[in-house]
């Protein structure tokens, strides 16, 4: 029996868990709080509390064949490895696949240029630097203990319940203009497809960019979403004048076009939503039902 253990059942992990559970897999997952673990159990999975400050019971790993980690790293790196690096190394023979969800922020700023998995990793934000440290720690388990680790560098994620259409509907969408700024994106269901493809074709030690085919200026996405919904296009706001949260502002520190060639050539992935247009159009149809 295949058994997936997710450290953190976030947006991406949940999309994968739903698919694998439907295919007959067992699923376990963690949350940082009791209510989150209870919500996991209500989905029919095994749920555990893990906040990085104390280890899980050793029995949690019994029967686990696949691991997906997405917990945010701390200053000293990944909390999963802080508590369970030794446990995972010791179970390397039983665990057939490990995925670590990182970010394309590890590449830093490239002034709109193209980055591939071979591009030097030069993060210029604290979030990117922490993710790079965690990547290195996970890959060390592969190098030194043979744990079958795979790194997935995710672009900006959107999907049901988390997309530009909803901010347009509630009136919070901003058409922020920063000269030369482009972002890469990925629909959450395409993330799940990439992870499934990697499980079927494991290549331990490999890193994959997970993004769609078209990096684009963020204001274009807002405008297209407004057109789909028949709503007024929000006025343009210069980046310098935009009132953005620290997290939102940090995304504008990097401008690059992320290549997704490797997920296609090595994993055989065919994106269901090759650009934000197809993704937003499908989400708009769902909203109108």
C-alpha atoms as a PDB file:
ATOM      1  CA  UNK A   1       0.000   0.000   0.000  1.00  0.00           C
ATOM      2  CA  UNK A   2       1.336   3.432  -0.946  1.00  0.00           C
ATOM      3  CA  UNK A   3       1.233   5.912   1.915  1.00  0.00           C
ATOM      4  CA  UNK A   4       1.853   9.664   1.551  1.00  0.00           C
ATOM      5  CA  UNK A   5       2.911  11.713   4.559  1.00  0.00           C
ATOM      6  CA  UNK A   6       2.501  15.475   4.065  1.00  0.00           C
ATOM      7  CA  UNK A   7       4.302  17.822   6.407  1.00  0.00           C
ATOM      8  CA  UNK A   8       1.800  20.639   6.092  1.00  0.00           C
ATOM      9  CA  UNK A   9      -1.407  20.105   4.114  1.00  0.00           C
ATOM     10  CA  UNK A  10      -1.505  23.431   2.323  1.00  0.00           C
ATOM     11  CA  UNK A  11      -2.963  24.421  -1.027  1.00  0.00           C
ATOM     12  CA  UNK A  12      -0.569  22.304  -3.095  1.00  0.00           C
ATOM     13  CA  UNK A  13      -0.322  19.350  -0.747  1.00  0.00           C
ATOM     14  CA  UNK A  14      -4.077  19.047  -0.520  1.00  0.00           C
ATOM     15  CA  UNK A  15      -4.428  18.944  -4.318  1.00  0.00           C
ATOM     16  CA  UNK A  16      -1.987  16.023  -4.470  1.00  0.00           C
ATOM     17  CA  UNK A  17      -3.536  14.240  -1.474  1.00  0.00           C
ATOM     18  CA  UNK A  18      -7.013  14.339  -3.034  1.00  0.00           C
ATOM     19  CA  UNK A  19      -5.728  12.694  -6.208  1.00  0.00           C
ATOM     20  CA  UNK A  20      -3.717  10.002  -4.455  1.00  0.00           C
ATOM     21  CA  UNK A  21      -6.461   9.186  -1.950  1.00  0.00           C
ATOM     22  CA  UNK A  22      -8.868   8.723  -4.863  1.00  0.00           C
ATOM     23  CA  UNK A  23      -6.378   6.255  -6.333  1.00  0.00           C
ATOM     24  CA  UNK A  24      -6.413   4.192  -3.139  1.00  0.00           C
ATOM     25  CA  UNK A  25      -3.421   5.657  -1.303  1.00  0.00           C
ATOM     26  CA  UNK A  26      -3.287   6.165   2.444  1.00  0.00           C
ATOM     27  CA  UNK A  27      -2.650   9.782   3.412  1.00  0.00           C
ATOM     28  CA  UNK A  28      -1.277  11.273   6.624  1.00  0.00           C
ATOM     29  CA  UNK A  29      -0.709  14.977   7.158  1.00  0.00           C
ATOM     30  CA  UNK A  30       0.326  17.454   9.800  1.00  0.00           C
ATOM     31  CA  UNK A  31      -0.918  20.817  10.973  1.00  0.00           C
ATOM     32  CA  UNK A  32       0.645  23.265  13.393  1.00  0.00           C
ATOM     33  CA  UNK A  33      -2.521  23.397  15.518  1.00  0.00           C
ATOM     34  CA  UNK A  34      -5.036  20.966  16.995  1.00  0.00           C
ATOM     35  CA  UNK A  35      -7.981  22.269  14.982  1.00  0.00           C
ATOM     36  CA  UNK A  36      -5.989  21.860  11.774  1.00  0.00           C
ATOM     37  CA  UNK A  37      -5.152  18.254  12.599  1.00  0.00           C
ATOM     38  CA  UNK A  38      -8.834  17.630  13.339  1.00  0.00           C
ATOM     39  CA  UNK A  39      -9.771  19.137   9.967  1.00  0.00           C
ATOM     40  CA  UNK A  40      -7.310  16.757   8.309  1.00  0.00           C
ATOM     41  CA  UNK A  41      -8.938  13.801  10.053  1.00  0.00           C
ATOM     42  CA  UNK A  42     -12.351  15.034   8.903  1.00  0.00           C
ATOM     43  CA  UNK A  43     -11.078  14.670   5.333  1.00  0.00           C
ATOM     44  CA  UNK A  44     -10.493  10.980   6.012  1.00  0.00           C
ATOM     45  CA  UNK A  45      -6.729  11.219   6.457  1.00  0.00           C
ATOM     46  CA  UNK A  46      -4.572  10.596   9.509  1.00  0.00           C
ATOM     47  CA  UNK A  47      -3.909  13.982  11.106  1.00  0.00           C
ATOM     48  CA  UNK A  48      -1.144  14.995  13.524  1.00  0.00           C
ATOM     49  CA  UNK A  49       0.025  18.187  15.191  1.00  0.00           C
ATOM     50  CA  UNK A  50       3.556  19.244  14.229  1.00  0.00           C
ATOM     51  CA  UNK A  51       4.803  22.790  14.759  1.00  0.00           C
ATOM     52  CA  UNK A  52       8.520  22.124  14.488  1.00  0.00           C
ATOM     53  CA  UNK A  53       9.251  22.450  18.197  1.00  0.00           C
ATOM     54  CA  UNK A  54       8.848  18.769  19.099  1.00  0.00           C
ATOM     55  CA  UNK A  55       9.076  15.503  17.167  1.00  0.00           C
ATOM     56  CA  UNK A  56       6.184  13.337  16.124  1.00  0.00           C
ATOM     57  CA  UNK A  57       5.822   9.863  17.570  1.00  0.00           C
ATOM     58  CA  UNK A  58       7.993   7.362  15.661  1.00  0.00           C
ATOM     59  CA  UNK A  59       4.897   5.344  14.756  1.00  0.00           C
ATOM     60  CA  UNK A  60       3.720   8.177  12.477  1.00  0.00           C
ATOM     61  CA  UNK A  61       6.295   6.963   9.951  1.00  0.00           C
ATOM     62  CA  UNK A  62       5.117   3.349   9.967  1.00  0.00           C
ATOM     63  CA  UNK A  63       4.209   2.282   6.455  1.00  0.00           C
ATOM     64  CA  UNK A  64       5.080   5.654   4.903  1.00  0.00           C
ATOM     65  CA  UNK A  65       6.383   5.264   1.341  1.00  0.00           C
ATOM     66  CA  UNK A  66       6.247   8.865   0.085  1.00  0.00           C
ATOM     67  CA  UNK A  67       6.843  12.204   1.821  1.00  0.00           C
ATOM     68  CA  UNK A  68       5.864  15.719   0.763  1.00  0.00           C
ATOM     69  CA  UNK A  69       7.278  18.642   2.753  1.00  0.00           C
ATOM     70  CA  UNK A  70       6.081  22.222   2.430  1.00  0.00           C
ATOM     71  CA  UNK A  71       6.475  23.615   5.952  1.00  0.00           C
ATOM     72  CA  UNK A  72       8.015  27.112   5.857  1.00  0.00           C
ATOM     73  CA  UNK A  73      11.672  27.160   6.919  1.00  0.00           C
ATOM     74  CA  UNK A  74      13.026  29.027   9.923  1.00  0.00           C
ATOM     75  CA  UNK A  75      16.353  30.826  10.316  1.00  0.00           C
ATOM     76  CA  UNK A  76      18.123  27.514  10.873  1.00  0.00           C
ATOM     77  CA  UNK A  77      16.399  25.784   7.980  1.00  0.00           C
ATOM     78  CA  UNK A  78      13.673  23.202   7.652  1.00  0.00           C
ATOM     79  CA  UNK A  79      11.730  22.324  10.841  1.00  0.00           C
ATOM     80  CA  UNK A  80      10.970  18.825   9.542  1.00  0.00           C
ATOM     81  CA  UNK A  81      14.653  18.017   9.257  1.00  0.00           C
ATOM     82  CA  UNK A  82      15.430  19.619  12.601  1.00  0.00           C
ATOM     83  CA  UNK A  83      13.143  17.083  14.275  1.00  0.00           C
ATOM     84  CA  UNK A  84      13.124  14.160  11.856  1.00  0.00           C
ATOM     85  CA  UNK A  85      16.154  14.289   9.578  1.00  0.00           C
ATOM     86  CA  UNK A  86      17.637  11.257  11.324  1.00  0.00           C
ATOM     87  CA  UNK A  87      14.353   9.354  11.177  1.00  0.00           C
ATOM     88  CA  UNK A  88      14.024   9.949   7.451  1.00  0.00           C
ATOM     89  CA  UNK A  89      17.648   8.983   6.798  1.00  0.00           C
ATOM     90  CA  UNK A  90      17.163   5.757   8.748  1.00  0.00           C
ATOM     91  CA  UNK A  91      14.052   4.883   6.710  1.00  0.00           C
ATOM     92  CA  UNK A  92      15.613   5.651   3.340  1.00  0.00           C
ATOM     93  CA  UNK A  93      15.101   2.099   2.120  1.00  0.00           C
ATOM     94  CA  UNK A  94      11.367   2.156   2.805  1.00  0.00           C
ATOM     95  CA  UNK A  95      10.699   5.674   1.506  1.00  0.00           C
ATOM     96  CA  UNK A  96      10.539   5.642  -2.290  1.00  0.00           C
ATOM     97  CA  UNK A  97      10.022   9.355  -3.011  1.00  0.00           C
ATOM     98  CA  UNK A  98      10.413  12.652  -1.191  1.00  0.00           C
ATOM     99  CA  UNK A  99       9.255  16.011  -2.537  1.00  0.00           C
ATOM    100  CA  UNK A 100      10.245  19.366  -1.100  1.00  0.00           C
ATOM    101  CA  UNK A 101       8.166  22.359  -2.199  1.00  0.00           C
ATOM    102  CA  UNK A 102      10.433  25.363  -2.611  1.00  0.00           C
ATOM    103  CA  UNK A 103      10.041  28.615  -4.559  1.00  0.00           C
ATOM    104  CA  UNK A 104      11.398  30.195  -7.727  1.00  0.00           C
ATOM    105  CA  UNK A 105      12.471  32.981  -5.367  1.00  0.00           C
ATOM    106  CA  UNK A 106      15.728  31.045  -4.864  1.00  0.00           C
ATOM    107  CA  UNK A 107      16.899  32.421  -8.237  1.00  0.00           C
ATOM    108  CA  UNK A 108      16.657  36.051  -7.183  1.00  0.00           C
ATOM    109  CA  UNK A 109      16.150  38.913  -9.621  1.00  0.00           C
ATOM    110  CA  UNK A 110      17.077  38.537 -13.299  1.00  0.00           C
ATOM    111  CA  UNK A 111      15.587  41.735 -14.745  1.00  0.00           C
ATOM    112  CA  UNK A 112      12.987  39.776 -16.723  1.00  0.00           C
ATOM    113  CA  UNK A 113      15.509  37.256 -18.058  1.00  0.00           C
ATOM    114  CA  UNK A 114      14.992  33.510 -18.361  1.00  0.00           C
ATOM    115  CA  UNK A 115      16.031  31.145 -15.563  1.00  0.00           C
ATOM    116  CA  UNK A 116      16.402  27.372 -15.733  1.00  0.00           C
ATOM    117  CA  UNK A 117      17.213  24.796 -13.085  1.00  0.00           C
ATOM    118  CA  UNK A 118      20.874  25.350 -13.991  1.00  0.00           C
ATOM    119  CA  UNK A 119      20.798  29.078 -13.227  1.00  0.00           C
ATOM    120  CA  UNK A 120      22.911  30.041 -10.183  1.00  0.00           C
ATOM    121  CA  UNK A 121      20.848  30.385  -7.017  1.00  0.00           C
ATOM    122  CA  UNK A 122      21.181  33.973  -5.815  1.00  0.00           C
ATOM    123  CA  UNK A 123      18.084  34.809  -3.726  1.00  0.00           C
ATOM    124  CA  UNK A 124      17.677  38.477  -2.818  1.00  0.00           C
ATOM    125  CA  UNK A 125      14.862  38.142  -0.265  1.00  0.00           C
ATOM    126  CA  UNK A 126      14.830  36.605   3.206  1.00  0.00           C
ATOM    127  CA  UNK A 127      12.128  34.182   2.099  1.00  0.00           C
ATOM    128  CA  UNK A 128      14.253  33.032  -0.831  1.00  0.00           C
ATOM    129  CA  UNK A 129      17.373  32.619   1.300  1.00  0.00           C
ATOM    130  CA  UNK A 130      15.533  30.462   3.832  1.00  0.00           C
ATOM    131  CA  UNK A 131      14.120  28.255   1.095  1.00  0.00           C
ATOM    132  CA  UNK A 132      17.579  27.807  -0.425  1.00  0.00           C
ATOM    133  CA  UNK A 133      18.961  26.730   2.957  1.00  0.00           C
ATOM    134  CA  UNK A 134      16.127  24.210   3.309  1.00  0.00           C
ATOM    135  CA  UNK A 135      16.736  22.912  -0.237  1.00  0.00           C
ATOM    136  CA  UNK A 136      20.385  22.349   0.620  1.00  0.00           C
ATOM    137  CA  UNK A 137      19.493  20.497   3.809  1.00  0.00           C
ATOM    138  CA  UNK A 138      17.067  18.186   2.004  1.00  0.00           C
ATOM    139  CA  UNK A 139      19.531  17.465  -0.789  1.00  0.00           C
ATOM    140  CA  UNK A 140      22.187  16.624   1.802  1.00  0.00           C
ATOM    141  CA  UNK A 141      19.964  13.729   2.887  1.00  0.00           C
ATOM    142  CA  UNK A 142      20.070  12.483  -0.689  1.00  0.00           C
ATOM    143  CA  UNK A 143      23.820  12.992  -1.060  1.00  0.00           C
ATOM    144  CA  UNK A 144      24.813  11.441   2.256  1.00  0.00           C
ATOM    145  CA  UNK A 145      22.039   8.942   2.979  1.00  0.00           C
ATOM    146  CA  UNK A 146      20.445   8.145  -0.382  1.00  0.00           C
ATOM    147  CA  UNK A 147      17.030   9.524   0.552  1.00  0.00           C
ATOM    148  CA  UNK A 148      15.190   9.992  -2.800  1.00  0.00           C
ATOM    149  CA  UNK A 149      14.707  13.773  -2.530  1.00  0.00           C
ATOM    150  CA  UNK A 150      13.239  15.929  -5.319  1.00  0.00           C
ATOM    151  CA  UNK A 151      13.044  19.734  -5.228  1.00  0.00           C
ATOM    152  CA  UNK A 152      10.086  21.574  -6.760  1.00  0.00           C
ATOM    153  CA  UNK A 153      10.495  25.335  -7.225  1.00  0.00           C
ATOM    154  CA  UNK A 154       6.979  26.707  -7.445  1.00  0.00           C
ATOM    155  CA  UNK A 155       5.999  29.923  -9.183  1.00  0.00           C
ATOM    156  CA  UNK A 156       3.053  32.026  -7.987  1.00  0.00           C
ATOM    157  CA  UNK A 157       0.233  29.616  -7.151  1.00  0.00           C
ATOM    158  CA  UNK A 158      -3.439  30.157  -7.932  1.00  0.00           C
ATOM    159  CA  UNK A 159      -6.538  28.017  -8.163  1.00  0.00           C
ATOM    160  CA  UNK A 160     -10.015  27.593  -6.651  1.00  0.00           C
ATOM    161  CA  UNK A 161     -10.437  29.879  -3.664  1.00  0.00           C
ATOM    162  CA  UNK A 162      -7.143  31.634  -4.293  1.00  0.00           C
ATOM    163  CA  UNK A 163      -7.051  33.680  -7.461  1.00  0.00           C
ATOM    164  CA  UNK A 164      -7.235  37.150  -8.961  1.00  0.00           C
ATOM    165  CA  UNK A 165     -10.936  36.847  -9.773  1.00  0.00           C
ATOM    166  CA  UNK A 166     -11.855  36.790  -6.108  1.00  0.00           C
ATOM    167  CA  UNK A 167      -9.923  39.977  -5.375  1.00  0.00           C
ATOM    168  CA  UNK A 168     -11.671  41.649  -8.293  1.00  0.00           C
ATOM    169  CA  UNK A 169     -15.055  40.574  -6.942  1.00  0.00           C
ATOM    170  CA  UNK A 170     -14.353  41.833  -3.424  1.00  0.00           C
ATOM    171  CA  UNK A 171     -12.830  45.071  -4.700  1.00  0.00           C
ATOM    172  CA  UNK A 172      -9.303  44.563  -3.362  1.00  0.00           C
ATOM    173  CA  UNK A 173      -7.566  43.938  -6.703  1.00  0.00           C
ATOM    174  CA  UNK A 174      -4.824  46.398  -7.637  1.00  0.00           C
ATOM    175  CA  UNK A 175      -3.320  46.935 -11.072  1.00  0.00           C
ATOM    176  CA  UNK A 176       0.192  47.685  -9.826  1.00  0.00           C
ATOM    177  CA  UNK A 177       2.610  48.927 -12.470  1.00  0.00           C
ATOM    178  CA  UNK A 178       6.328  48.340 -12.123  1.00  0.00           C
ATOM    179  CA  UNK A 179       8.342  48.845 -15.288  1.00  0.00           C
ATOM    180  CA  UNK A 180       9.678  45.566 -16.678  1.00  0.00           C
ATOM    181  CA  UNK A 181       8.072  43.402 -13.971  1.00  0.00           C
ATOM    182  CA  UNK A 182       7.006  39.890 -14.989  1.00  0.00           C
ATOM    183  CA  UNK A 183       5.863  36.940 -12.880  1.00  0.00           C
ATOM    184  CA  UNK A 184       5.563  33.241 -13.599  1.00  0.00           C
ATOM    185  CA  UNK A 185       2.495  31.390 -12.292  1.00  0.00           C
ATOM    186  CA  UNK A 186       1.117  27.888 -11.909  1.00  0.00           C
ATOM    187  CA  UNK A 187      -2.364  26.486 -11.324  1.00  0.00           C
ATOM    188  CA  UNK A 188      -2.555  24.252  -8.251  1.00  0.00           C
ATOM    189  CA  UNK A 189      -3.913  21.323 -10.274  1.00  0.00           C
ATOM    190  CA  UNK A 190      -0.893  21.504 -12.564  1.00  0.00           C
ATOM    191  CA  UNK A 191       1.349  21.369  -9.476  1.00  0.00           C
ATOM    192  CA  UNK A 192      -0.388  18.135  -8.487  1.00  0.00           C
ATOM    193  CA  UNK A 193       0.164  16.791 -12.008  1.00  0.00           C
ATOM    194  CA  UNK A 194       3.881  17.540 -11.798  1.00  0.00           C
ATOM    195  CA  UNK A 195       4.191  15.838  -8.405  1.00  0.00           C
ATOM    196  CA  UNK A 196       2.294  12.776  -9.642  1.00  0.00           C
ATOM    197  CA  UNK A 197       4.540  12.582 -12.701  1.00  0.00           C
ATOM    198  CA  UNK A 198       7.639  12.748 -10.516  1.00  0.00           C
ATOM    199  CA  UNK A 199       6.316   9.971  -8.275  1.00  0.00           C
ATOM    200  CA  UNK A 200       5.895   7.832 -11.380  1.00  0.00           C
ATOM    201  CA  UNK A 201       9.334   8.785 -12.755  1.00  0.00           C
ATOM    202  CA  UNK A 202      11.559   9.461  -9.743  1.00  0.00           C
ATOM    203  CA  UNK A 203      14.981  11.049 -10.308  1.00  0.00           C
ATOM    204  CA  UNK A 204      16.457  11.619  -6.840  1.00  0.00           C
ATOM    205  CA  UNK A 205      18.514  14.770  -6.458  1.00  0.00           C
ATOM    206  CA  UNK A 206      16.677  16.535  -9.280  1.00  0.00           C
ATOM    207  CA  UNK A 207      15.193  20.033  -9.080  1.00  0.00           C
ATOM    208  CA  UNK A 208      12.207  21.101 -11.167  1.00  0.00           C
ATOM    209  CA  UNK A 209      10.764  24.503 -11.975  1.00  0.00           C
ATOM    210  CA  UNK A 210       6.981  24.309 -11.685  1.00  0.00           C
ATOM    211  CA  UNK A 211       5.349  27.087 -13.688  1.00  0.00           C
ATOM    212  CA  UNK A 212       3.192  27.599 -16.748  1.00  0.00           C
ATOM    213  CA  UNK A 213       4.350  28.626 -20.224  1.00  0.00           C
ATOM    214  CA  UNK A 214       3.889  32.376 -19.983  1.00  0.00           C
ATOM    215  CA  UNK A 215       5.431  34.808 -17.543  1.00  0.00           C
ATOM    216  CA  UNK A 216       3.580  38.112 -17.759  1.00  0.00           C
ATOM    217  CA  UNK A 217       3.177  41.517 -16.102  1.00  0.00           C
ATOM    218  CA  UNK A 218       0.831  41.271 -13.103  1.00  0.00           C
ATOM    219  CA  UNK A 219      -1.388  44.083 -14.377  1.00  0.00           C
ATOM    220  CA  UNK A 220      -2.211  42.014 -17.484  1.00  0.00           C
ATOM    221  CA  UNK A 221      -3.666  39.271 -15.302  1.00  0.00           C
ATOM    222  CA  UNK A 222      -5.855  41.740 -13.421  1.00  0.00           C
ATOM    223  CA  UNK A 223      -7.116  43.260 -16.659  1.00  0.00           C
ATOM    224  CA  UNK A 224      -7.915  39.876 -18.184  1.00  0.00           C
ATOM    225  CA  UNK A 225      -9.743  38.775 -15.039  1.00  0.00           C
ATOM    226  CA  UNK A 226     -11.856  41.929 -15.057  1.00  0.00           C
ATOM    227  CA  UNK A 227     -12.799  41.308 -18.688  1.00  0.00           C
ATOM    228  CA  UNK A 228     -13.853  37.729 -17.888  1.00  0.00           C
ATOM    229  CA  UNK A 229     -16.112  38.928 -15.091  1.00  0.00           C
ATOM    230  CA  UNK A 230     -17.447  41.996 -16.890  1.00  0.00           C
ATOM    231  CA  UNK A 231     -16.082  44.236 -14.153  1.00  0.00           C
ATOM    232  CA  UNK A 232     -14.316  47.595 -14.486  1.00  0.00           C
ATOM    233  CA  UNK A 233     -10.549  47.327 -14.819  1.00  0.00           C
ATOM    234  CA  UNK A 234      -8.966  48.761 -11.646  1.00  0.00           C
ATOM    235  CA  UNK A 235      -6.978  51.943 -12.223  1.00  0.00           C
ATOM    236  CA  UNK A 236      -3.236  51.700 -12.660  1.00  0.00           C
ATOM    237  CA  UNK A 237      -1.201  52.335  -9.501  1.00  0.00           C
ATOM    238  CA  UNK A 238       2.553  52.983  -9.705  1.00  0.00           C
ATOM    239  CA  UNK A 239       4.476  50.443  -7.623  1.00  0.00           C
ATOM    240  CA  UNK A 240       6.007  53.198  -5.526  1.00  0.00           C
ATOM    241  CA  UNK A 241       2.532  54.371  -4.478  1.00  0.00           C
ATOM    242  CA  UNK A 242       0.895  50.956  -4.035  1.00  0.00           C
ATOM    243  CA  UNK A 243      -0.050  50.041  -0.485  1.00  0.00           C
ATOM    244  CA  UNK A 244       1.083  46.415  -0.453  1.00  0.00           C
ATOM    245  CA  UNK A 245       1.661  43.998   2.392  1.00  0.00           C
ATOM    246  CA  UNK A 246       5.303  43.121   3.091  1.00  0.00           C
ATOM    247  CA  UNK A 247       4.729  39.684   1.541  1.00  0.00           C
ATOM    248  CA  UNK A 248       3.161  41.138  -1.620  1.00  0.00           C
ATOM    249  CA  UNK A 249       5.904  43.733  -1.907  1.00  0.00           C
ATOM    250  CA  UNK A 250       8.582  41.044  -1.629  1.00  0.00           C
ATOM    251  CA  UNK A 251       7.264  39.371  -4.801  1.00  0.00           C
ATOM    252  CA  UNK A 252       8.085  42.520  -6.750  1.00  0.00           C
ATOM    253  CA  UNK A 253      11.752  42.239  -5.709  1.00  0.00           C
ATOM    254  CA  UNK A 254      12.246  39.572  -8.400  1.00  0.00           C
ATOM    255  CA  UNK A 255      11.502  39.783 -12.120  1.00  0.00           C
ATOM    256  CA  UNK A 256      12.231  36.737 -14.246  1.00  0.00           C
ATOM    257  CA  UNK A 257      10.823  34.321 -16.789  1.00  0.00           C
ATOM    258  CA  UNK A 258      11.001  30.794 -15.428  1.00  0.00           C
ATOM    259  CA  UNK A 259      11.572  27.931 -17.866  1.00  0.00           C
ATOM    260  CA  UNK A 260       9.406  24.833 -17.442  1.00  0.00           C
ATOM    261  CA  UNK A 261      11.178  22.750 -20.106  1.00  0.00           C
ATOM    262  CA  UNK A 262      12.396  20.103 -17.655  1.00  0.00           C
ATOM    263  CA  UNK A 263       8.959  19.082 -16.322  1.00  0.00           C
ATOM    264  CA  UNK A 264       7.899  18.472 -19.909  1.00  0.00           C
ATOM    265  CA  UNK A 265      11.012  16.750 -21.235  1.00  0.00           C
ATOM    266  CA  UNK A 266      11.782  14.570 -18.202  1.00  0.00           C
ATOM    267  CA  UNK A 267       8.394  14.033 -16.587  1.00  0.00           C
ATOM    268  CA  UNK A 268       6.190  14.169 -19.672  1.00  0.00           C
ATOM    269  CA  UNK A 269       3.905  16.783 -18.123  1.00  0.00           C
ATOM    270  CA  UNK A 270       1.239  18.411 -20.269  1.00  0.00           C
ATOM    271  CA  UNK A 271      -0.130  21.440 -18.509  1.00  0.00           C
ATOM    272  CA  UNK A 272      -3.886  21.682 -18.264  1.00  0.00           C
ATOM    273  CA  UNK A 273      -3.557  25.458 -17.864  1.00  0.00           C
ATOM    274  CA  UNK A 274      -0.568  26.589 -19.983  1.00  0.00           C
ATOM    275  CA  UNK A 275      -1.174  30.254 -19.159  1.00  0.00           C
ATOM    276  CA  UNK A 276      -3.202  32.400 -16.770  1.00  0.00           C
ATOM    277  CA  UNK A 277      -5.816  32.833 -19.513  1.00  0.00           C
ATOM    278  CA  UNK A 278      -6.899  29.200 -19.514  1.00  0.00           C
ATOM    279  CA  UNK A 279      -6.677  29.007 -15.742  1.00  0.00           C
ATOM    280  CA  UNK A 280      -8.716  32.128 -15.040  1.00  0.00           C
ATOM    281  CA  UNK A 281     -11.266  31.260 -17.727  1.00  0.00           C
ATOM    282  CA  UNK A 282     -11.911  27.882 -16.073  1.00  0.00           C
ATOM    283  CA  UNK A 283     -12.197  29.510 -12.647  1.00  0.00           C
ATOM    284  CA  UNK A 284     -14.600  32.118 -14.047  1.00  0.00           C
ATOM    285  CA  UNK A 285     -16.818  29.371 -15.466  1.00  0.00           C
ATOM    286  CA  UNK A 286     -16.911  27.695 -12.071  1.00  0.00           C
ATOM    287  CA  UNK A 287     -17.887  30.957 -10.380  1.00  0.00           C
ATOM    288  CA  UNK A 288     -20.799  31.417 -12.756  1.00  0.00           C
ATOM    289  CA  UNK A 289     -22.284  27.969 -12.132  1.00  0.00           C
END
